C-alpha atoms as a PDB file:
ATOM      1  CA  MET A   1     -10.041  -2.458  26.786  1.00  0.00           C
ATOM      2  CA  SER A   2      -8.385   0.939  27.027  1.00  0.00           C
ATOM      3  CA  GLY A   3      -4.967  -0.762  27.027  1.00  0.00           C
ATOM      4  CA  ASN A   4      -4.974  -1.014  23.232  1.00  0.00           C
ATOM      5  CA  LEU A   5      -5.291   2.746  22.950  1.00  0.00           C
ATOM      6  CA  ARG A   6      -1.905   3.126  24.603  1.00  0.00           C
ATOM      7  CA  SER A   7      -0.229   1.067  21.903  1.00  0.00           C
ATOM      8  CA  PRO A   8       2.135   3.042  19.636  1.00  0.00           C
ATOM      9  CA  ARG A   9       0.392   1.564  16.592  1.00  0.00           C
ATOM     10  CA  ALA A  10      -2.940   2.995  17.747  1.00  0.00           C
ATOM     11  CA  ARG A  11      -1.499   6.474  17.319  1.00  0.00           C
ATOM     12  CA  TRP A  12      -0.471   5.853  13.717  1.00  0.00           C
ATOM     13  CA  ARG A  13      -3.998   5.707  12.422  1.00  0.00           C
ATOM     14  CA  HIS A  14      -5.497   9.022  11.548  1.00  0.00           C
ATOM     15  CA  GLY A  15      -8.860   9.433   9.886  1.00  0.00           C
ATOM     16  CA  CYS A  16     -11.026   6.766   8.351  1.00  0.00           C
ATOM     17  CA  PRO A  17      -9.141   4.072   6.374  1.00  0.00           C
ATOM     18  CA  MET A  18     -12.154   3.319   4.173  1.00  0.00           C
ATOM     19  CA  ARG A  19     -12.633   6.982   3.304  1.00  0.00           C
ATOM     20  CA  ALA A  20      -8.931   7.213   2.403  1.00  0.00           C
ATOM     21  CA  HIS A  21      -9.272   4.124   0.186  1.00  0.00           C
ATOM     22  CA  ASP A  22     -12.384   5.467  -1.504  1.00  0.00           C
ATOM     23  CA  ALA A  23     -10.563   8.727  -2.287  1.00  0.00           C
ATOM     24  CA  LEU A  24      -7.879   6.905  -4.313  1.00  0.00           C
ATOM     25  CA  PRO A  25      -7.985   7.157  -8.129  1.00  0.00           C
ATOM     26  CA  ALA A  26     -10.064   4.433  -9.805  1.00  0.00           C
ATOM     27  CA  PRO A  27      -7.137   2.673 -11.580  1.00  0.00           C
ATOM     28  CA  LEU A  28      -5.264   2.444  -8.282  1.00  0.00           C
ATOM     29  CA  ARG A  29      -8.304   1.070  -6.443  1.00  0.00           C
ATOM     30  CA  LEU A  30      -8.718  -1.581  -9.142  1.00  0.00           C
ATOM     31  CA  TRP A  31      -5.045  -2.526  -8.866  1.00  0.00           C
ATOM     32  CA  LEU A  32      -5.296  -2.763  -5.067  1.00  0.00           C
ATOM     33  CA  LYS A  33      -8.280  -5.081  -5.398  1.00  0.00           C
ATOM     34  CA  GLU A  34      -6.020  -7.648  -7.112  1.00  0.00           C
ATOM     35  CA  ALA A  35      -2.880  -6.960  -5.058  1.00  0.00           C
ATOM     36  CA  ALA A  36      -1.202  -9.837  -3.262  1.00  0.00           C
ATOM     37  CA  LEU A  37      -0.325  -7.712  -0.226  1.00  0.00           C
ATOM     38  CA  PRO A  38      -2.574  -5.590   1.980  1.00  0.00           C
ATOM     39  CA  TRP A  39      -1.508  -2.052   1.020  1.00  0.00           C
ATOM     40  CA  SER A  40      -2.508   0.945   3.105  1.00  0.00           C
ATOM     41  CA  ALA A  41      -4.164   3.763   1.180  1.00  0.00           C
ATOM     42  CA  GLU A  42      -1.367   6.090   2.284  1.00  0.00           C
ATOM     43  CA  SER A  43       1.507   3.943   1.002  1.00  0.00           C
ATOM     44  CA  ALA A  44      -0.285   3.125  -2.248  1.00  0.00           C
ATOM     45  CA  ARG A  45      -1.058   6.804  -2.857  1.00  0.00           C
ATOM     46  CA  ARG A  46       2.568   7.758  -2.169  1.00  0.00           C
ATOM     47  CA  VAL A  47       3.917   5.368  -4.827  1.00  0.00           C
ATOM     48  CA  TRP A  48       1.077   6.210  -7.211  1.00  0.00           C
ATOM     49  CA  GLU A  49       1.513   9.982  -7.145  1.00  0.00           C
ATOM     50  CA  ARG A  50       5.295   9.821  -7.551  1.00  0.00           C
ATOM     51  CA  GLU A  51       5.135   7.381 -10.459  1.00  0.00           C
ATOM     52  CA  VAL A  52       2.232   9.047 -12.279  1.00  0.00           C
ATOM     53  CA  ARG A  53       4.302  12.241 -12.396  1.00  0.00           C
ATOM     54  CA  ARG A  54       7.302  10.308 -13.740  1.00  0.00           C
ATOM     55  CA  SER A  55       5.767   7.879 -16.201  1.00  0.00           C
ATOM     56  CA  GLY A  56       1.972   8.133 -16.321  1.00  0.00           C
ATOM     57  CA  VAL A  57      -0.718   5.728 -15.219  1.00  0.00           C
ATOM     58  CA  GLU A  58       0.708   2.630 -16.925  1.00  0.00           C
ATOM     59  CA  GLY A  59       4.140   3.303 -15.474  1.00  0.00           C
ATOM     60  CA  ALA A  60       2.649   3.762 -12.016  1.00  0.00           C
ATOM     61  CA  LEU A  61       0.791   0.459 -12.233  1.00  0.00           C
ATOM     62  CA  ARG A  62       3.966  -1.275 -13.411  1.00  0.00           C
ATOM     63  CA  ARG A  63       5.977   0.258 -10.547  1.00  0.00           C
ATOM     64  CA  LEU A  64       3.378  -0.830  -7.977  1.00  0.00           C
ATOM     65  CA  GLY A  65       3.811  -4.381  -9.269  1.00  0.00           C
ATOM     66  CA  GLU A  66       7.584  -4.087  -8.977  1.00  0.00           C
ATOM     67  CA  VAL A  67       7.377  -2.761  -5.417  1.00  0.00           C
ATOM     68  CA  GLU A  68       5.002  -5.536  -4.448  1.00  0.00           C
ATOM     69  CA  ALA A  69       7.184  -8.216  -6.058  1.00  0.00           C
ATOM     70  CA  ALA A  70      10.260  -6.914  -4.217  1.00  0.00           C
ATOM     71  CA  THR A  71       8.382  -6.949  -0.912  1.00  0.00           C
ATOM     72  CA  LEU A  72       7.140 -10.490  -1.520  1.00  0.00           C
ATOM     73  CA  ALA A  73      10.680 -11.647  -2.370  1.00  0.00           C
ATOM     74  CA  ARG A  74      12.067 -10.054   0.789  1.00  0.00           C
ATOM     75  CA  GLU A  75       9.318 -11.568   2.955  1.00  0.00           C
ATOM     76  CA  ARG A  76       9.715 -14.955   1.280  1.00  0.00           C
ATOM     77  CA  ALA A  77      13.384 -14.958   2.256  1.00  0.00           C
ATOM     78  CA  GLU A  78      12.514 -14.105   5.850  1.00  0.00           C
ATOM     79  CA  VAL A  79       9.748 -16.677   6.130  1.00  0.00           C
ATOM     80  CA  TRP A  80      11.549 -19.539   4.434  1.00  0.00           C
ATOM     81  CA  ARG A  81      15.064 -18.538   5.512  1.00  0.00           C
ATOM     82  CA  ALA A  82      16.239 -18.794   1.903  1.00  0.00           C
END
């Protein structure tokens, strides 16, 4: 059982993921609830904070949708070899 703790991915996680999610702003949490991809609180917060400074809450929500759509398109091409 201790073998998993030696995994490089095990070292990436710091803190409590649920606490990090709960600390996100309410509009972002609502957006994440409907998201097609499983976003980490850290990556969602990074996009959110940058875009809120640039274009406000509505712009940040729009940008999150754009980022998600681009990721889905990239993954679709990999999965379906399109």
